[in-house]
Amino acid sequence: MSPSSERLNQPLPGTPRWIISGAFLGLLGIMLISGMTALRDLNQMHSGEQEVRRDFLVRTQALSGLCLSIQIYGETVQHYVTMVDPARDAEVRASLKRLKNDIDTAFSGYPADTHAQELDALRTIAQLFGRQRDLVDGMLAWPSDERRRRAPLLIDREIEPIQMEILQRSDQLRIANDQT
C-alpha cells in the first residue's frame, strides 16, 4: 500500500469529537431556549391565575358585604318596629339610613365587568331590596303604636319572604361567581 492510501484510510484525529461536541452544544442550546420559554409561559400563566384570583376575591367580598348589609338592615327593622323606647327612635332611624346608603354603595361598587347571569341575579337582588325598602319606608311612616301592632304581621307576610328570596338570589350569584 502506498503512503497516501494509508493516510486516507485513517480517521482524521478529533473530527468525531468535534461533531459530537457540536451536537451536544446544539442540544444544550435547544434545551436552554426551551427552558427559558417554559419559564416565560409559566410566569404568564401565574399572572393570569393571580388576576383571576384577585377578581374572584373582589367579587366575593362585594357580594358578602352586600348580603350582610341587607341582612343587618332587615334585622334592624325587625328590632325597631317592636321597640318600645321612643328615645332611641332617632338613633335607629339614623342607623337604618346609614345601612341604606351602605347597601346603595355596595350595589354601585359591585365590579362592573360582570357576566349576564351574574348581572341578572344582581339586578333581581336590587329590585327585591327596593321592594323591601319601600315596604319598610311605608311602615316607618306609621305612628309608633300602630307600627308595633301591624308591623310584625307585615314583616312576617311581606318582608321575610323578600329577604329569603334575596338570600336565594345571592346564592345563585355566588354560584355564578364561582363558575367564572
Protein backbone atom coordinates (compact mmCIF):
# COMPACT_ATOMS: atom_id res chain seq x y z
CA MET A 1 0.00 0.00 0.00
CA SER A 2 1.07 3.43 -0.71
CA PRO A 3 1.51 6.03 1.98
CA SER A 4 -1.24 8.21 0.55
CA SER A 5 -3.79 5.36 0.67
CA GLU A 6 -2.90 4.62 4.29
CA ARG A 7 -3.50 8.20 5.15
CA LEU A 8 -6.93 8.08 3.51
CA ASN A 9 -7.95 5.02 5.48
CA GLN A 10 -7.05 6.54 8.84
CA PRO A 11 -9.76 8.64 10.52
CA LEU A 12 -8.96 12.24 10.98
CA PRO A 13 -7.87 12.84 14.53
CA GLY A 14 -10.50 14.63 16.65
CA THR A 15 -13.17 15.06 13.93
CA PRO A 16 -15.73 12.79 15.60
CA ARG A 17 -15.07 14.57 18.85
CA TRP A 18 -15.87 17.91 17.24
CA ILE A 19 -19.03 16.52 15.68
CA ILE A 20 -20.23 15.03 18.98
CA SER A 21 -19.27 18.19 20.88
CA GLY A 22 -21.12 20.36 18.35
CA ALA A 23 -24.21 18.16 18.54
CA PHE A 24 -24.09 18.22 22.33
CA LEU A 25 -23.79 22.01 22.43
CA GLY A 26 -26.65 22.29 19.92
CA LEU A 27 -28.87 20.12 22.10
CA LEU A 28 -27.82 22.08 25.18
CA GLY A 29 -28.74 25.32 23.42
CA ILE A 30 -32.14 23.93 22.41
CA MET A 31 -32.78 22.79 25.99
CA LEU A 32 -31.75 26.19 27.35
CA ILE A 33 -34.07 28.04 24.94
CA SER A 34 -36.99 25.71 25.66
CA GLY A 35 -36.43 26.07 29.41
CA MET A 36 -36.48 29.85 29.16
CA THR A 37 -39.62 29.71 27.02
CA ALA A 38 -41.28 27.38 29.53
CA LEU A 39 -40.42 29.75 32.41
CA ARG A 40 -41.86 32.71 30.49
CA ASP A 41 -45.06 30.75 29.79
CA LEU A 42 -45.32 29.70 33.44
CA ASN A 43 -44.92 33.31 34.56
CA GLN A 44 -47.69 34.38 32.18
CA MET A 45 -49.95 31.59 33.44
CA HIS A 46 -49.20 32.56 37.04
CA SER A 47 -50.01 36.21 36.32
CA GLY A 48 -53.30 35.21 34.70
CA GLU A 49 -54.15 32.97 37.63
CA GLN A 50 -53.37 35.77 40.11
CA GLU A 51 -55.61 38.15 38.16
CA VAL A 52 -58.50 35.65 38.16
CA ARG A 53 -57.98 35.02 41.87
CA ARG A 54 -57.97 38.76 42.61
CA ASP A 55 -61.14 39.25 40.52
CA PHE A 56 -62.84 36.37 42.34
CA LEU A 57 -61.85 37.81 45.71
CA VAL A 58 -63.18 41.28 44.81
CA ARG A 59 -66.50 39.82 43.64
CA THR A 60 -66.82 37.60 46.70
CA GLN A 61 -66.08 40.46 49.09
CA ALA A 62 -68.53 42.76 47.32
CA LEU A 63 -71.27 40.14 47.38
CA SER A 64 -70.64 39.23 51.02
CA GLY A 65 -70.70 42.88 52.06
CA LEU A 66 -73.90 43.47 50.14
CA CYS A 67 -75.71 40.45 51.57
CA LEU A 68 -74.53 41.17 55.09
CA SER A 69 -75.72 44.78 54.88
CA ILE A 70 -79.14 43.67 53.60
CA GLN A 71 -79.47 41.13 56.42
CA ILE A 72 -78.45 43.68 59.06
CA TYR A 73 -80.94 46.13 57.57
CA GLY A 74 -83.75 43.56 57.83
CA GLU A 75 -82.85 42.64 61.41
CA THR A 76 -82.59 46.30 62.44
CA VAL A 77 -86.05 46.92 61.01
CA GLN A 78 -87.48 43.96 62.90
CA HIS A 79 -85.99 45.18 66.18
CA TYR A 80 -87.03 48.75 65.53
CA VAL A 81 -90.71 48.07 64.84
CA THR A 82 -91.09 46.12 68.07
CA MET A 83 -89.10 48.66 70.09
CA VAL A 84 -91.00 50.44 72.86
CA ASP A 85 -88.32 53.00 73.71
CA PRO A 86 -89.13 56.23 71.79
CA ALA A 87 -85.86 57.80 72.97
CA ARG A 88 -83.88 55.54 70.63
CA ASP A 89 -86.13 56.30 67.66
CA ALA A 90 -83.80 58.87 66.06
CA GLU A 91 -80.75 56.68 66.65
CA VAL A 92 -82.30 53.64 64.98
CA ARG A 93 -83.64 55.68 62.06
CA ALA A 94 -80.15 57.12 61.52
CA SER A 95 -78.75 53.59 61.60
CA LEU A 96 -81.31 52.46 59.01
CA LYS A 97 -80.45 55.44 56.80
CA ARG A 98 -76.74 54.61 57.06
CA LEU A 99 -77.46 50.96 56.19
CA LYS A 100 -79.49 52.02 53.14
CA ASN A 101 -76.56 54.16 51.99
CA ASP A 102 -74.13 51.25 52.59
CA ILE A 103 -76.34 48.96 50.51
CA ASP A 104 -76.64 51.50 47.70
CA THR A 105 -72.86 51.93 47.77
CA ALA A 106 -72.41 48.14 47.67
CA PHE A 107 -74.68 47.90 44.62
CA SER A 108 -72.87 50.69 42.82
CA GLY A 109 -69.45 49.38 43.90
CA TYR A 110 -70.02 45.86 42.61
CA PRO A 111 -67.45 45.05 39.90
CA ALA A 112 -68.67 46.34 36.56
CA ASP A 113 -67.32 43.59 34.32
CA THR A 114 -69.98 41.04 35.21
CA HIS A 115 -71.39 38.24 33.09
CA ALA A 116 -75.04 38.15 32.01
CA GLN A 117 -76.13 35.56 34.59
CA GLU A 118 -74.36 37.43 37.36
CA LEU A 119 -75.81 40.76 36.23
CA ASP A 120 -79.36 39.34 36.15
CA ALA A 121 -79.05 37.98 39.69
CA LEU A 122 -77.65 41.31 40.91
CA ARG A 123 -80.49 43.26 39.27
CA THR A 124 -83.04 40.93 40.86
CA ILE A 125 -81.45 41.43 44.29
CA ALA A 126 -81.57 45.21 43.77
CA GLN A 127 -85.25 45.05 42.78
CA LEU A 128 -86.08 42.86 45.77
CA PHE A 129 -84.26 45.19 48.12
CA GLY A 130 -86.10 48.14 46.55
CA ARG A 131 -89.44 46.41 47.32
CA GLN A 132 -88.29 45.69 50.86
CA ARG A 133 -87.12 49.28 51.34
CA ASP A 134 -90.47 50.65 50.07
CA LEU A 135 -92.38 48.41 52.49
CA VAL A 136 -90.14 49.45 55.37
CA ASP A 137 -90.40 53.15 54.50
CA GLY A 138 -94.18 52.89 54.48
CA MET A 139 -94.13 51.04 57.77
CA LEU A 140 -91.83 53.61 59.37
CA ALA A 141 -94.32 56.35 58.48
CA TRP A 142 -96.93 54.75 60.75
CA PRO A 143 -97.39 56.07 64.29
CA SER A 144 -95.34 54.03 66.79
CA ASP A 145 -98.31 52.27 68.46
CA GLU A 146 -99.74 51.26 65.06
CA ARG A 147 -96.28 50.20 63.90
CA ARG A 148 -95.83 47.92 66.92
CA ARG A 149 -99.26 46.41 66.30
CA ARG A 150 -99.21 45.98 62.48
CA ALA A 151 -95.52 45.66 61.65
CA PRO A 152 -94.93 42.08 62.85
CA LEU A 153 -97.65 40.83 60.50
CA LEU A 154 -96.25 42.86 57.58
CA ILE A 155 -92.76 41.60 58.31
CA ASP A 156 -93.95 38.02 58.52
CA ARG A 157 -96.04 38.12 55.32
CA GLU A 158 -94.09 40.51 53.10
CA ILE A 159 -90.58 41.35 54.25
CA GLU A 160 -89.27 37.95 55.37
CA PRO A 161 -90.22 36.25 52.08
CA ILE A 162 -88.38 39.04 50.25
CA GLN A 163 -85.34 38.50 52.47
CA MET A 164 -85.45 34.77 51.78
CA GLU A 165 -85.61 35.41 48.04
CA ILE A 166 -82.67 37.83 48.33
CA LEU A 167 -80.69 35.07 50.05
CA GLN A 168 -81.60 32.60 47.30
CA ARG A 169 -80.59 35.06 44.58
CA SER A 170 -77.34 35.84 46.36
CA ASP A 171 -76.59 32.11 46.46
CA GLN A 172 -77.24 31.98 42.70
CA LEU A 173 -74.92 34.95 42.31
CA ARG A 174 -72.23 33.19 44.36
CA ILE A 175 -72.55 30.10 42.15
CA ALA A 176 -72.30 32.24 39.01
CA ASN A 177 -69.28 33.97 40.53
CA ASP A 178 -67.63 30.61 41.29
CA GLN A 179 -68.12 29.45 37.71
CA THR A 180 -66.42 32.47 36.14
